[in-house]
C-alpha atoms as a PDB file:
ATOM      1  CA  MET A   1     -48.285  13.947 -11.159  1.00  0.00           C
ATOM      2  CA  ALA A   2     -48.086  17.633 -12.117  1.00  0.00           C
ATOM      3  CA  ILE A   3     -50.379  19.224 -14.672  1.00  0.00           C
ATOM      4  CA  LEU A   4     -48.663  21.924 -16.740  1.00  0.00           C
ATOM      5  CA  LYS A   5     -50.235  24.518 -19.008  1.00  0.00           C
ATOM      6  CA  VAL A   6     -48.607  26.697 -21.686  1.00  0.00           C
ATOM      7  CA  ILE A   7     -49.686  30.209 -22.633  1.00  0.00           C
ATOM      8  CA  GLU A   8     -48.303  32.387 -25.378  1.00  0.00           C
ATOM      9  CA  VAL A   9     -47.317  35.961 -24.521  1.00  0.00           C
ATOM     10  CA  LEU A  10     -46.117  38.776 -26.767  1.00  0.00           C
ATOM     11  CA  ALA A  11     -43.862  41.369 -25.115  1.00  0.00           C
ATOM     12  CA  ASN A  12     -41.540  44.167 -26.106  1.00  0.00           C
ATOM     13  CA  SER A  13     -38.731  46.362 -24.805  1.00  0.00           C
ATOM     14  CA  ASP A  14     -36.741  49.322 -26.060  1.00  0.00           C
ATOM     15  CA  LYS A  15     -33.551  47.843 -24.499  1.00  0.00           C
ATOM     16  CA  SER A  16     -33.059  44.213 -25.627  1.00  0.00           C
ATOM     17  CA  TRP A  17     -34.666  40.872 -26.405  1.00  0.00           C
ATOM     18  CA  GLU A  18     -33.624  39.658 -22.957  1.00  0.00           C
ATOM     19  CA  ASP A  19     -35.451  42.578 -21.364  1.00  0.00           C
ATOM     20  CA  ALA A  20     -38.512  41.838 -23.513  1.00  0.00           C
ATOM     21  CA  ALA A  21     -38.464  38.219 -22.245  1.00  0.00           C
ATOM     22  CA  LYS A  22     -38.212  39.465 -18.657  1.00  0.00           C
ATOM     23  CA  ASN A  23     -41.176  41.766 -19.310  1.00  0.00           C
ATOM     24  CA  ALA A  24     -43.211  38.814 -20.617  1.00  0.00           C
ATOM     25  CA  VAL A  25     -42.573  36.782 -17.459  1.00  0.00           C
ATOM     26  CA  ALA A  26     -43.120  39.765 -15.143  1.00  0.00           C
ATOM     27  CA  HIS A  27     -46.442  40.652 -16.756  1.00  0.00           C
ATOM     28  CA  ALA A  28     -47.675  37.039 -16.868  1.00  0.00           C
ATOM     29  CA  SER A  29     -46.740  36.505 -13.208  1.00  0.00           C
ATOM     30  CA  LYS A  30     -49.261  39.187 -12.204  1.00  0.00           C
ATOM     31  CA  SER A  31     -52.109  36.805 -13.042  1.00  0.00           C
ATOM     32  CA  VAL A  32     -50.449  33.378 -13.374  1.00  0.00           C
ATOM     33  CA  LYS A  33     -48.802  31.590 -10.450  1.00  0.00           C
ATOM     34  CA  ASN A  34     -46.311  28.701 -10.401  1.00  0.00           C
ATOM     35  CA  ILE A  35     -44.452  29.706 -13.582  1.00  0.00           C
ATOM     36  CA  LYS A  36     -41.863  27.012 -14.293  1.00  0.00           C
ATOM     37  CA  SER A  37     -40.217  28.021 -17.585  1.00  0.00           C
ATOM     38  CA  VAL A  38     -40.203  30.374 -20.530  1.00  0.00           C
ATOM     39  CA  TYR A  39     -39.397  29.450 -24.142  1.00  0.00           C
ATOM     40  CA  ILE A  40     -38.699  32.212 -26.632  1.00  0.00           C
ATOM     41  CA  ASN A  41     -40.466  31.139 -29.795  1.00  0.00           C
ATOM     42  CA  GLU A  42     -39.669  34.171 -31.970  1.00  0.00           C
ATOM     43  CA  GLN A  43     -37.689  37.393 -31.838  1.00  0.00           C
ATOM     44  CA  SER A  44     -38.173  40.483 -33.970  1.00  0.00           C
ATOM     45  CA  ALA A  45     -37.357  44.173 -33.883  1.00  0.00           C
ATOM     46  CA  THR A  46     -38.464  47.407 -35.452  1.00  0.00           C
ATOM     47  CA  VAL A  47     -35.925  49.680 -37.131  1.00  0.00           C
ATOM     48  CA  THR A  48     -35.943  53.470 -37.261  1.00  0.00           C
ATOM     49  CA  ASP A  49     -33.254  55.483 -39.048  1.00  0.00           C
ATOM     50  CA  GLY A  50     -31.104  52.375 -39.458  1.00  0.00           C
ATOM     51  CA  LYS A  51     -31.156  51.433 -35.762  1.00  0.00           C
ATOM     52  CA  MET A  52     -33.161  48.794 -33.930  1.00  0.00           C
ATOM     53  CA  ASP A  53     -35.442  50.608 -31.512  1.00  0.00           C
ATOM     54  CA  ASN A  54     -38.024  48.113 -30.271  1.00  0.00           C
ATOM     55  CA  TYR A  55     -37.290  44.461 -29.472  1.00  0.00           C
ATOM     56  CA  ARG A  56     -40.158  41.964 -29.493  1.00  0.00           C
ATOM     57  CA  VAL A  57     -40.490  38.372 -28.330  1.00  0.00           C
ATOM     58  CA  ASN A  58     -43.131  35.716 -28.692  1.00  0.00           C
ATOM     59  CA  ALA A  59     -42.755  33.703 -25.470  1.00  0.00           C
ATOM     60  CA  LYS A  60     -44.329  30.427 -24.381  1.00  0.00           C
ATOM     61  CA  ILE A  61     -44.703  30.398 -20.613  1.00  0.00           C
ATOM     62  CA  THR A  62     -45.244  27.101 -18.797  1.00  0.00           C
ATOM     63  CA  PHE A  63     -46.875  26.972 -15.381  1.00  0.00           C
ATOM     64  CA  GLU A  64     -48.150  24.291 -13.020  1.00  0.00           C
ATOM     65  CA  VAL A  65     -51.891  24.008 -12.474  1.00  0.00           C
ATOM     66  CA  ASN A  66     -53.036  23.183  -8.950  1.00  0.00           C
END
């Protein structure tokens, strides 16, 4: 039987929400091993001069505990 744990990570990108999600997983994988999935809980963006300029995600990352 596998034991799974979920952590919540906030990440951002100036390109896209997809890139922000990739940043969340990349940063978490520096200290967490055996990542199995990522669930994007929330998305938001900041707007400057009528254009979105910073994409943010609230990601739940699931990993297996050994």
